[in-house]
């Protein structure tokens, strides 16, 4: 399986590459302006310090690809916000930005959160997804993020606000395993 990683410059992105490689997939890192989502079996949209509202040309270019692709997607942190924004969800500045370990409330155990109950996860964000896009279900929330995880399993598009690649996130590797399992079906 070939997985593309759109690399938005987040401090943990190297951990995503390492983790995906350890799960036996071929991972290719892509810079946002050179990214071509259609070249892969699945794509991970990484975290980064940007906001969807000040990303300019990069956000517009990737939003266009996100809207038109049938390639399975997993958005993490900024990638989660970009996915929501691109597909008609609502992203805003969070009144309670989250940094460090946060308690996540699982409301629906579906696809990427299969096997999860409430858990602790590593966070680093100022913006939050307030409303999931049409066709998505909200899987989890926290005190500072109404949509901590979302899924559109029929289209194989998923997003998580937290960082599953960081060892402080309980069972974070399972998010990647569940995503790859859904993609392989």
C-alpha atoms as a PDB file:
ATOM      1  CA  UNK A   1       0.000   0.000   0.000  1.00  0.00           C
ATOM      2  CA  UNK A   2       1.279   3.466  -0.923  1.00  0.00           C
ATOM      3  CA  UNK A   3       0.414   6.247   1.523  1.00  0.00           C
ATOM      4  CA  UNK A   4       1.126   9.916   0.909  1.00  0.00           C
ATOM      5  CA  UNK A   5       1.851  12.222   3.829  1.00  0.00           C
ATOM      6  CA  UNK A   6       1.132  15.896   3.185  1.00  0.00           C
ATOM      7  CA  UNK A   7       3.679  17.528   5.442  1.00  0.00           C
ATOM      8  CA  UNK A   8       2.490  20.839   6.924  1.00  0.00           C
ATOM      9  CA  UNK A   9       5.559  21.384   9.087  1.00  0.00           C
ATOM     10  CA  UNK A  10       4.175  20.182  12.406  1.00  0.00           C
ATOM     11  CA  UNK A  11       6.643  19.133  15.068  1.00  0.00           C
ATOM     12  CA  UNK A  12       5.427  15.506  15.151  1.00  0.00           C
ATOM     13  CA  UNK A  13       5.198  14.740  11.430  1.00  0.00           C
ATOM     14  CA  UNK A  14       8.335  12.597  11.425  1.00  0.00           C
ATOM     15  CA  UNK A  15       6.563  10.355  13.940  1.00  0.00           C
ATOM     16  CA  UNK A  16       3.696   9.794  11.473  1.00  0.00           C
ATOM     17  CA  UNK A  17       6.161   8.620   8.812  1.00  0.00           C
ATOM     18  CA  UNK A  18       7.920   6.331  11.271  1.00  0.00           C
ATOM     19  CA  UNK A  19       4.674   4.861  12.575  1.00  0.00           C
ATOM     20  CA  UNK A  20       3.164   4.236   9.133  1.00  0.00           C
ATOM     21  CA  UNK A  21       6.409   2.620   7.958  1.00  0.00           C
ATOM     22  CA  UNK A  22       6.380   0.347  11.005  1.00  0.00           C
ATOM     23  CA  UNK A  23       2.873  -0.769   9.970  1.00  0.00           C
ATOM     24  CA  UNK A  24       4.259  -2.008   6.656  1.00  0.00           C
ATOM     25  CA  UNK A  25       3.150   0.679   4.231  1.00  0.00           C
ATOM     26  CA  UNK A  26       5.263   2.659   1.776  1.00  0.00           C
ATOM     27  CA  UNK A  27       5.132   6.317   2.841  1.00  0.00           C
ATOM     28  CA  UNK A  28       5.985   9.306   0.658  1.00  0.00           C
ATOM     29  CA  UNK A  29       6.318  12.763   2.177  1.00  0.00           C
ATOM     30  CA  UNK A  30       4.839  15.592   0.084  1.00  0.00           C
ATOM     31  CA  UNK A  31       5.143  19.338   0.468  1.00  0.00           C
ATOM     32  CA  UNK A  32       1.680  20.949   0.368  1.00  0.00           C
ATOM     33  CA  UNK A  33       2.186  22.901  -2.876  1.00  0.00           C
ATOM     34  CA  UNK A  34       3.505  19.824  -4.719  1.00  0.00           C
ATOM     35  CA  UNK A  35       0.990  17.353  -3.286  1.00  0.00           C
ATOM     36  CA  UNK A  36      -1.012  15.221  -5.702  1.00  0.00           C
ATOM     37  CA  UNK A  37      -3.483  13.193  -3.650  1.00  0.00           C
ATOM     38  CA  UNK A  38      -4.481  10.940  -6.549  1.00  0.00           C
ATOM     39  CA  UNK A  39      -1.057   9.255  -6.700  1.00  0.00           C
ATOM     40  CA  UNK A  40      -1.687   7.167  -3.561  1.00  0.00           C
ATOM     41  CA  UNK A  41      -3.857   4.426  -2.099  1.00  0.00           C
ATOM     42  CA  UNK A  42      -4.465   6.685   0.924  1.00  0.00           C
ATOM     43  CA  UNK A  43      -3.279  10.083   2.166  1.00  0.00           C
ATOM     44  CA  UNK A  44      -2.604  11.477   5.639  1.00  0.00           C
ATOM     45  CA  UNK A  45      -2.936  15.243   6.057  1.00  0.00           C
ATOM     46  CA  UNK A  46      -0.564  16.082   8.903  1.00  0.00           C
ATOM     47  CA  UNK A  47      -0.599  18.642  11.660  1.00  0.00           C
ATOM     48  CA  UNK A  48       0.999  22.047  11.427  1.00  0.00           C
ATOM     49  CA  UNK A  49       0.938  25.560  12.857  1.00  0.00           C
ATOM     50  CA  UNK A  50      -1.329  27.042  10.163  1.00  0.00           C
ATOM     51  CA  UNK A  51      -4.948  28.081  10.282  1.00  0.00           C
ATOM     52  CA  UNK A  52      -7.290  27.286   7.412  1.00  0.00           C
ATOM     53  CA  UNK A  53      -8.110  31.002   7.365  1.00  0.00           C
ATOM     54  CA  UNK A  54      -4.572  32.214   6.729  1.00  0.00           C
ATOM     55  CA  UNK A  55      -3.268  29.381   4.548  1.00  0.00           C
ATOM     56  CA  UNK A  56      -3.832  31.256   1.282  1.00  0.00           C
ATOM     57  CA  UNK A  57      -2.998  29.478  -1.952  1.00  0.00           C
ATOM     58  CA  UNK A  58      -1.917  26.256  -0.239  1.00  0.00           C
ATOM     59  CA  UNK A  59      -5.262  25.831   1.512  1.00  0.00           C
ATOM     60  CA  UNK A  60      -7.214  26.653  -1.665  1.00  0.00           C
ATOM     61  CA  UNK A  61      -5.171  24.241  -3.805  1.00  0.00           C
ATOM     62  CA  UNK A  62      -5.493  21.353  -1.357  1.00  0.00           C
ATOM     63  CA  UNK A  63      -9.158  22.105  -0.627  1.00  0.00           C
ATOM     64  CA  UNK A  64      -9.877  21.678  -4.313  1.00  0.00           C
ATOM     65  CA  UNK A  65      -8.143  18.279  -4.353  1.00  0.00           C
ATOM     66  CA  UNK A  66      -9.847  17.171  -1.130  1.00  0.00           C
ATOM     67  CA  UNK A  67     -13.273  17.998  -2.594  1.00  0.00           C
ATOM     68  CA  UNK A  68     -12.655  16.028  -5.773  1.00  0.00           C
ATOM     69  CA  UNK A  69     -10.643  13.005  -4.618  1.00  0.00           C
ATOM     70  CA  UNK A  70     -11.947   9.528  -3.939  1.00  0.00           C
ATOM     71  CA  UNK A  71      -8.652   8.609  -2.243  1.00  0.00           C
ATOM     72  CA  UNK A  72      -9.123   7.711   1.460  1.00  0.00           C
ATOM     73  CA  UNK A  73      -7.999  10.547   3.755  1.00  0.00           C
ATOM     74  CA  UNK A  74      -6.983  10.851   7.389  1.00  0.00           C
ATOM     75  CA  UNK A  75      -6.579  14.403   8.699  1.00  0.00           C
ATOM     76  CA  UNK A  76      -4.624  15.007  11.897  1.00  0.00           C
ATOM     77  CA  UNK A  77      -4.772  18.332  13.817  1.00  0.00           C
ATOM     78  CA  UNK A  78      -4.450  20.988  11.057  1.00  0.00           C
ATOM     79  CA  UNK A  79      -5.185  18.244   8.504  1.00  0.00           C
ATOM     80  CA  UNK A  80      -8.432  17.495  10.390  1.00  0.00           C
ATOM     81  CA  UNK A  81      -9.394  21.173  10.252  1.00  0.00           C
ATOM     82  CA  UNK A  82      -8.473  21.416   6.554  1.00  0.00           C
ATOM     83  CA  UNK A  83     -10.564  18.344   5.761  1.00  0.00           C
ATOM     84  CA  UNK A  84     -13.579  19.786   7.605  1.00  0.00           C
ATOM     85  CA  UNK A  85     -13.163  23.243   6.063  1.00  0.00           C
ATOM     86  CA  UNK A  86     -12.757  21.843   2.536  1.00  0.00           C
ATOM     87  CA  UNK A  87     -15.862  19.664   2.720  1.00  0.00           C
ATOM     88  CA  UNK A  88     -18.254  22.221   4.216  1.00  0.00           C
ATOM     89  CA  UNK A  89     -17.658  21.922   7.951  1.00  0.00           C
ATOM     90  CA  UNK A  90     -17.053  24.900  10.212  1.00  0.00           C
ATOM     91  CA  UNK A  91     -13.665  25.748  11.773  1.00  0.00           C
ATOM     92  CA  UNK A  92     -13.192  28.555  14.310  1.00  0.00           C
ATOM     93  CA  UNK A  93     -10.698  29.822  16.857  1.00  0.00           C
ATOM     94  CA  UNK A  94     -11.221  27.752  19.975  1.00  0.00           C
ATOM     95  CA  UNK A  95     -12.247  29.652  23.104  1.00  0.00           C
ATOM     96  CA  UNK A  96     -10.279  26.953  24.999  1.00  0.00           C
ATOM     97  CA  UNK A  97      -7.151  26.019  22.990  1.00  0.00           C
ATOM     98  CA  UNK A  98      -5.724  22.678  24.084  1.00  0.00           C
ATOM     99  CA  UNK A  99      -2.066  21.858  24.714  1.00  0.00           C
ATOM    100  CA  UNK A 100      -0.670  18.729  26.292  1.00  0.00           C
ATOM    101  CA  UNK A 101      -2.674  15.794  27.571  1.00  0.00           C
ATOM    102  CA  UNK A 102      -6.466  16.110  27.159  1.00  0.00           C
ATOM    103  CA  UNK A 103      -9.339  13.776  28.042  1.00  0.00           C
ATOM    104  CA  UNK A 104     -11.257  12.682  24.928  1.00  0.00           C
ATOM    105  CA  UNK A 105     -14.900  11.597  25.207  1.00  0.00           C
ATOM    106  CA  UNK A 106     -15.831   8.921  22.678  1.00  0.00           C
ATOM    107  CA  UNK A 107     -19.449   9.296  21.609  1.00  0.00           C
ATOM    108  CA  UNK A 108     -19.430   6.821  18.746  1.00  0.00           C
ATOM    109  CA  UNK A 109     -17.001   3.964  18.266  1.00  0.00           C
ATOM    110  CA  UNK A 110     -16.744   3.899  14.477  1.00  0.00           C
ATOM    111  CA  UNK A 111     -13.976   2.905  12.075  1.00  0.00           C
ATOM    112  CA  UNK A 112     -10.926   4.884  13.238  1.00  0.00           C
ATOM    113  CA  UNK A 113     -12.007   4.781  16.909  1.00  0.00           C
ATOM    114  CA  UNK A 114     -13.020   1.117  16.846  1.00  0.00           C
ATOM    115  CA  UNK A 115     -12.096  -0.380  20.215  1.00  0.00           C
ATOM    116  CA  UNK A 116     -11.792   3.011  21.953  1.00  0.00           C
ATOM    117  CA  UNK A 117     -13.462   4.226  25.111  1.00  0.00           C
ATOM    118  CA  UNK A 118     -12.738   7.625  26.677  1.00  0.00           C
ATOM    119  CA  UNK A 119      -8.980   8.171  26.579  1.00  0.00           C
ATOM    120  CA  UNK A 120      -6.191  10.725  27.001  1.00  0.00           C
ATOM    121  CA  UNK A 121      -4.544  12.244  23.937  1.00  0.00           C
ATOM    122  CA  UNK A 122      -1.842  14.748  23.104  1.00  0.00           C
ATOM    123  CA  UNK A 123      -3.138  18.086  21.774  1.00  0.00           C
ATOM    124  CA  UNK A 124      -1.659  21.247  20.304  1.00  0.00           C
ATOM    125  CA  UNK A 125      -4.241  23.516  18.650  1.00  0.00           C
ATOM    126  CA  UNK A 126      -5.748  27.011  18.632  1.00  0.00           C
ATOM    127  CA  UNK A 127      -8.532  26.341  16.106  1.00  0.00           C
ATOM    128  CA  UNK A 128     -11.234  23.690  16.345  1.00  0.00           C
ATOM    129  CA  UNK A 129     -13.773  22.020  14.110  1.00  0.00           C
ATOM    130  CA  UNK A 130     -17.101  23.342  15.405  1.00  0.00           C
ATOM    131  CA  UNK A 131     -19.327  21.474  12.942  1.00  0.00           C
ATOM    132  CA  UNK A 132     -18.408  18.361  10.981  1.00  0.00           C
ATOM    133  CA  UNK A 133     -19.018  18.495   7.205  1.00  0.00           C
ATOM    134  CA  UNK A 134     -22.240  17.106   5.710  1.00  0.00           C
ATOM    135  CA  UNK A 135     -22.149  13.296   5.614  1.00  0.00           C
ATOM    136  CA  UNK A 136     -19.713  13.082   8.552  1.00  0.00           C
ATOM    137  CA  UNK A 137     -20.498  11.854  12.047  1.00  0.00           C
ATOM    138  CA  UNK A 138     -18.825  13.234  15.157  1.00  0.00           C
ATOM    139  CA  UNK A 139     -17.067  10.399  16.952  1.00  0.00           C
ATOM    140  CA  UNK A 140     -15.460  12.204  19.897  1.00  0.00           C
ATOM    141  CA  UNK A 141     -15.205  15.567  21.634  1.00  0.00           C
ATOM    142  CA  UNK A 142     -13.299  17.255  24.450  1.00  0.00           C
ATOM    143  CA  UNK A 143     -13.673  20.342  26.591  1.00  0.00           C
ATOM    144  CA  UNK A 144     -11.822  22.489  24.032  1.00  0.00           C
ATOM    145  CA  UNK A 145     -12.879  20.846  20.766  1.00  0.00           C
ATOM    146  CA  UNK A 146     -16.444  19.948  19.875  1.00  0.00           C
ATOM    147  CA  UNK A 147     -15.318  17.659  17.030  1.00  0.00           C
ATOM    148  CA  UNK A 148     -12.232  15.771  18.245  1.00  0.00           C
ATOM    149  CA  UNK A 149     -12.810  12.981  15.741  1.00  0.00           C
ATOM    150  CA  UNK A 150     -15.095  12.660  12.734  1.00  0.00           C
ATOM    151  CA  UNK A 151     -15.782  10.071  10.051  1.00  0.00           C
ATOM    152  CA  UNK A 152     -17.449   9.634   6.716  1.00  0.00           C
ATOM    153  CA  UNK A 153     -16.855   5.871   6.470  1.00  0.00           C
ATOM    154  CA  UNK A 154     -18.705   5.566   3.148  1.00  0.00           C
ATOM    155  CA  UNK A 155     -16.143   7.878   1.535  1.00  0.00           C
ATOM    156  CA  UNK A 156     -13.233   6.690   3.728  1.00  0.00           C
ATOM    157  CA  UNK A 157     -12.542  10.194   5.025  1.00  0.00           C
ATOM    158  CA  UNK A 158     -11.606  10.684   8.661  1.00  0.00           C
ATOM    159  CA  UNK A 159     -10.215  13.392  10.929  1.00  0.00           C
ATOM    160  CA  UNK A 160      -8.815  13.631  14.434  1.00  0.00           C
ATOM    161  CA  UNK A 161      -7.906  16.830  16.263  1.00  0.00           C
ATOM    162  CA  UNK A 162      -5.520  15.027  18.614  1.00  0.00           C
ATOM    163  CA  UNK A 163      -2.104  13.595  17.750  1.00  0.00           C
ATOM    164  CA  UNK A 164      -2.295   9.773  17.553  1.00  0.00           C
ATOM    165  CA  UNK A 165       1.365   9.620  16.500  1.00  0.00           C
ATOM    166  CA  UNK A 166       2.593  10.906  19.884  1.00  0.00           C
ATOM    167  CA  UNK A 167       3.345   8.231  22.481  1.00  0.00           C
ATOM    168  CA  UNK A 168       1.369  10.118  25.162  1.00  0.00           C
ATOM    169  CA  UNK A 169      -1.866   9.407  23.248  1.00  0.00           C
ATOM    170  CA  UNK A 170      -3.367   6.211  24.625  1.00  0.00           C
ATOM    171  CA  UNK A 171      -3.522   3.564  21.882  1.00  0.00           C
ATOM    172  CA  UNK A 172      -2.720   6.165  19.221  1.00  0.00           C
ATOM    173  CA  UNK A 173      -1.232   3.542  16.917  1.00  0.00           C
ATOM    174  CA  UNK A 174      -4.682   1.933  16.784  1.00  0.00           C
ATOM    175  CA  UNK A 175      -6.044   5.002  14.940  1.00  0.00           C
ATOM    176  CA  UNK A 176      -3.562   4.313  12.127  1.00  0.00           C
ATOM    177  CA  UNK A 177      -4.224   0.556  12.209  1.00  0.00           C
ATOM    178  CA  UNK A 178      -7.989   1.165  12.015  1.00  0.00           C
ATOM    179  CA  UNK A 179      -7.537   3.635   9.139  1.00  0.00           C
ATOM    180  CA  UNK A 180      -5.320   1.263   7.138  1.00  0.00           C
ATOM    181  CA  UNK A 181      -7.707  -1.614   7.834  1.00  0.00           C
ATOM    182  CA  UNK A 182     -10.669   0.405   6.491  1.00  0.00           C
ATOM    183  CA  UNK A 183      -8.675   1.392   3.391  1.00  0.00           C
ATOM    184  CA  UNK A 184      -7.638  -2.205   2.611  1.00  0.00           C
ATOM    185  CA  UNK A 185     -11.227  -3.513   2.550  1.00  0.00           C
END
